Amino acid sequence: MRRAAACFLGLVFLLPMADTGQAGDLAAPTGEAILIVAGAIERTNDHGRAVFDRSMLTALGWAKLRTSTSWTQGVVEFEGIPLLAVMEAVGPRGETLIATALNDYKVKIPVSDARMYPVLLALRQNGRDLSIRDKGPIWIVYPRDAFPELQTETVNARWVWQLSRLDVQ
């Protein structure tokens, strides 16, 4: 219980969740697309898939998470969009996500991770936007310090940096 409370306190929502409406009616992106969600989803905006630019993602809700990682020194502050908010926006009809990075690295992530933990699609690290050189523009971040069960190699493989696509199966 203490870990869950600490994790919740570490995840601060700064913007309200957006109303995504009914199936098929996500707004179209006006800027450069940075994330595509495809596969078994209910709401789309581009030929059966959901394409998000940065402003569309941030409109879903902004959160902060402080945690250590296997790739950085000490505790790091991440800011971004909860994975759960993206899932709620697209309406997943499957139980597995295939997360794909810009370099075509792929890993399976249970959709249940988004429900059980405040997994973050990080856009910022320690107050700076993530660039492609710095694991951006999107890095999947787990609250590993608040949940010791997330400190495994299996979960480490789910920390996809340079995330470009999620396919729901």
Protein backbone atom coordinates (compact mmCIF):
# COMPACT_ATOMS: atom_id res chain seq x y z
CA MET A 1 0.00 0.00 0.00
CA ARG A 2 2.83 2.39 0.87
CA ARG A 3 4.50 1.74 -2.51
CA ALA A 4 1.27 2.38 -4.38
CA ALA A 5 0.74 5.62 -2.47
CA ALA A 6 4.31 6.72 -3.16
CA CYS A 7 3.88 5.95 -6.83
CA PHE A 8 0.61 7.87 -6.95
CA LEU A 9 2.25 10.84 -5.27
CA GLY A 10 5.08 10.63 -7.81
CA LEU A 11 2.59 10.77 -10.68
CA VAL A 12 1.10 14.26 -10.77
CA PHE A 13 -1.56 15.01 -13.37
CA LEU A 14 -1.29 18.56 -14.66
CA LEU A 15 -3.93 18.62 -17.41
CA PRO A 16 -7.40 17.01 -17.50
CA MET A 17 -8.12 14.00 -19.65
CA ALA A 18 -9.51 14.87 -23.07
CA ASP A 19 -12.93 13.66 -24.16
CA THR A 20 -12.28 11.39 -27.11
CA GLY A 21 -15.91 10.89 -28.11
CA GLN A 22 -17.21 7.91 -30.09
CA ALA A 23 -15.57 5.38 -32.40
CA GLY A 24 -13.70 6.76 -35.38
CA ASP A 25 -13.74 10.40 -34.33
CA LEU A 26 -10.28 11.26 -33.05
CA ALA A 27 -9.15 14.65 -34.30
CA ALA A 28 -6.58 14.65 -37.08
CA PRO A 29 -3.07 15.77 -36.20
CA THR A 30 -2.06 19.26 -37.31
CA GLY A 31 1.63 18.85 -36.57
CA GLU A 32 4.25 16.20 -37.24
CA ALA A 33 3.10 12.72 -36.24
CA ILE A 34 5.18 11.25 -33.40
CA LEU A 35 3.08 8.21 -32.46
CA ILE A 36 0.90 5.80 -34.41
CA VAL A 37 -1.47 3.42 -32.63
CA ALA A 38 -2.91 0.72 -34.88
CA GLY A 39 -4.46 -2.72 -34.78
CA ALA A 40 -7.48 -3.64 -32.68
CA ILE A 41 -8.65 -0.15 -31.66
CA GLU A 42 -12.08 1.49 -31.63
CA ARG A 43 -11.21 5.13 -32.35
CA THR A 44 -9.10 6.22 -35.30
CA ASN A 45 -8.29 9.30 -37.37
CA ASP A 46 -6.31 7.94 -40.34
CA HIS A 47 -7.48 4.91 -42.30
CA GLY A 48 -8.00 2.56 -39.37
CA ARG A 49 -5.21 3.85 -37.15
CA ALA A 50 -4.75 6.67 -34.64
CA VAL A 51 -2.03 9.17 -35.50
CA PHE A 52 -0.91 11.56 -32.76
CA ASP A 53 1.18 14.70 -32.91
CA ARG A 54 2.75 16.13 -29.76
CA SER A 55 -0.13 18.50 -28.97
CA MET A 56 -2.70 15.72 -29.30
CA LEU A 57 -0.75 13.57 -26.87
CA THR A 58 -0.27 16.33 -24.31
CA ALA A 59 -4.00 17.13 -24.47
CA LEU A 60 -4.66 13.63 -23.08
CA GLY A 61 -3.08 14.56 -19.75
CA TRP A 62 0.38 15.51 -18.57
CA ALA A 63 2.04 13.62 -15.73
CA LYS A 64 5.36 13.46 -13.87
CA LEU A 65 7.14 10.39 -12.61
CA ARG A 66 10.36 10.19 -10.59
CA THR A 67 12.25 6.91 -10.79
CA SER A 68 15.64 5.38 -11.35
CA THR A 69 16.41 3.56 -14.59
CA SER A 70 18.92 0.99 -15.79
CA TRP A 71 20.28 3.57 -18.27
CA THR A 72 20.72 6.72 -16.17
CA GLN A 73 22.37 7.73 -12.90
CA GLY A 74 20.21 8.24 -9.82
CA VAL A 75 16.57 9.22 -9.74
CA VAL A 76 15.30 10.97 -12.86
CA GLU A 77 12.18 13.09 -13.33
CA PHE A 78 10.16 12.20 -16.42
CA GLU A 79 7.20 14.10 -17.83
CA GLY A 80 4.76 12.86 -20.40
CA ILE A 81 1.45 11.15 -21.04
CA PRO A 82 0.19 8.15 -19.09
CA LEU A 83 0.01 5.08 -21.33
CA LEU A 84 -3.45 4.48 -19.88
CA ALA A 85 -4.64 7.85 -21.28
CA VAL A 86 -3.52 6.85 -24.78
CA MET A 87 -5.23 3.48 -24.41
CA GLU A 88 -8.45 5.16 -23.24
CA ALA A 89 -8.27 7.54 -26.21
CA VAL A 90 -8.06 4.77 -28.81
CA GLY A 91 -10.18 2.09 -27.11
CA PRO A 92 -8.04 -1.05 -27.31
CA ARG A 93 -9.83 -4.31 -28.14
CA GLY A 94 -6.79 -6.49 -27.51
CA GLU A 95 -4.64 -7.48 -24.56
CA THR A 96 -1.15 -7.00 -26.02
CA LEU A 97 0.75 -4.02 -27.39
CA ILE A 98 3.59 -4.42 -29.84
CA ALA A 99 5.77 -1.39 -29.15
CA THR A 100 8.05 -0.42 -32.05
CA ALA A 101 10.97 1.99 -31.94
CA LEU A 102 12.38 4.10 -34.76
CA ASN A 103 15.13 1.48 -35.23
CA ASP A 104 12.48 -1.29 -35.57
CA TYR A 105 13.15 -2.74 -32.10
CA LYS A 106 9.90 -4.46 -31.05
CA VAL A 107 8.64 -5.83 -27.76
CA LYS A 108 5.33 -7.12 -26.44
CA ILE A 109 3.75 -5.19 -23.57
CA PRO A 110 0.59 -6.38 -21.83
CA VAL A 111 -2.18 -3.76 -22.02
CA SER A 112 -2.76 -4.62 -18.36
CA ASP A 113 0.55 -2.88 -17.51
CA ALA A 114 -1.18 0.42 -18.30
CA ARG A 115 -3.99 -0.44 -15.87
CA MET A 116 -1.80 -1.84 -13.07
CA TYR A 117 1.01 0.74 -13.10
CA PRO A 118 1.29 4.43 -14.03
CA VAL A 119 3.43 3.69 -17.11
CA LEU A 120 4.47 6.92 -18.79
CA LEU A 121 5.09 7.83 -22.42
CA ALA A 122 7.82 10.27 -21.49
CA LEU A 123 8.46 13.33 -23.65
CA ARG A 124 10.74 15.11 -21.18
CA GLN A 125 13.57 14.10 -18.84
CA ASN A 126 14.76 16.37 -16.04
CA GLY A 127 12.94 19.34 -17.59
CA ARG A 128 14.27 18.87 -21.15
CA ASP A 129 12.46 17.57 -24.20
CA LEU A 130 13.70 14.15 -25.26
CA SER A 131 15.37 14.27 -28.66
CA ILE A 132 16.04 11.25 -30.85
CA ARG A 133 19.63 11.34 -29.61
CA ASP A 134 18.36 11.24 -25.99
CA LYS A 135 15.91 8.31 -26.33
CA GLY A 136 13.07 10.48 -27.65
CA PRO A 137 10.83 11.79 -28.82
CA ILE A 138 8.95 9.18 -26.70
CA TRP A 139 10.40 6.81 -24.09
CA ILE A 140 8.21 4.24 -22.31
CA VAL A 141 8.99 4.61 -18.59
CA TYR A 142 7.88 2.31 -15.78
CA PRO A 143 7.65 3.38 -12.09
CA ARG A 144 10.25 0.80 -11.07
CA ASP A 145 11.20 2.41 -7.76
CA ALA A 146 7.63 2.21 -6.45
CA PHE A 147 7.09 -1.39 -7.57
CA PRO A 148 10.02 -3.78 -7.01
CA GLU A 149 8.36 -6.38 -9.29
CA LEU A 150 9.14 -4.01 -12.20
CA GLN A 151 12.90 -4.30 -11.61
CA THR A 152 13.38 -7.28 -13.95
CA GLU A 153 15.01 -7.83 -17.32
CA THR A 154 11.59 -8.66 -18.79
CA VAL A 155 10.24 -5.25 -17.78
CA ASN A 156 13.50 -3.49 -18.73
CA ALA A 157 12.94 -4.74 -22.29
CA ARG A 158 9.60 -2.85 -22.29
CA TRP A 159 11.34 0.51 -21.72
CA VAL A 160 11.24 1.29 -25.44
CA TRP A 161 13.00 4.52 -26.34
CA GLN A 162 12.44 6.30 -29.65
CA LEU A 163 8.93 4.82 -29.56
CA SER A 164 7.11 5.40 -32.86
CA ARG A 165 4.26 2.88 -32.93
CA LEU A 166 1.97 0.77 -30.76
CA ASP A 167 0.01 -2.08 -32.35
CA VAL A 168 -2.86 -3.50 -30.32
CA GLN A 169 -3.44 -7.24 -30.68
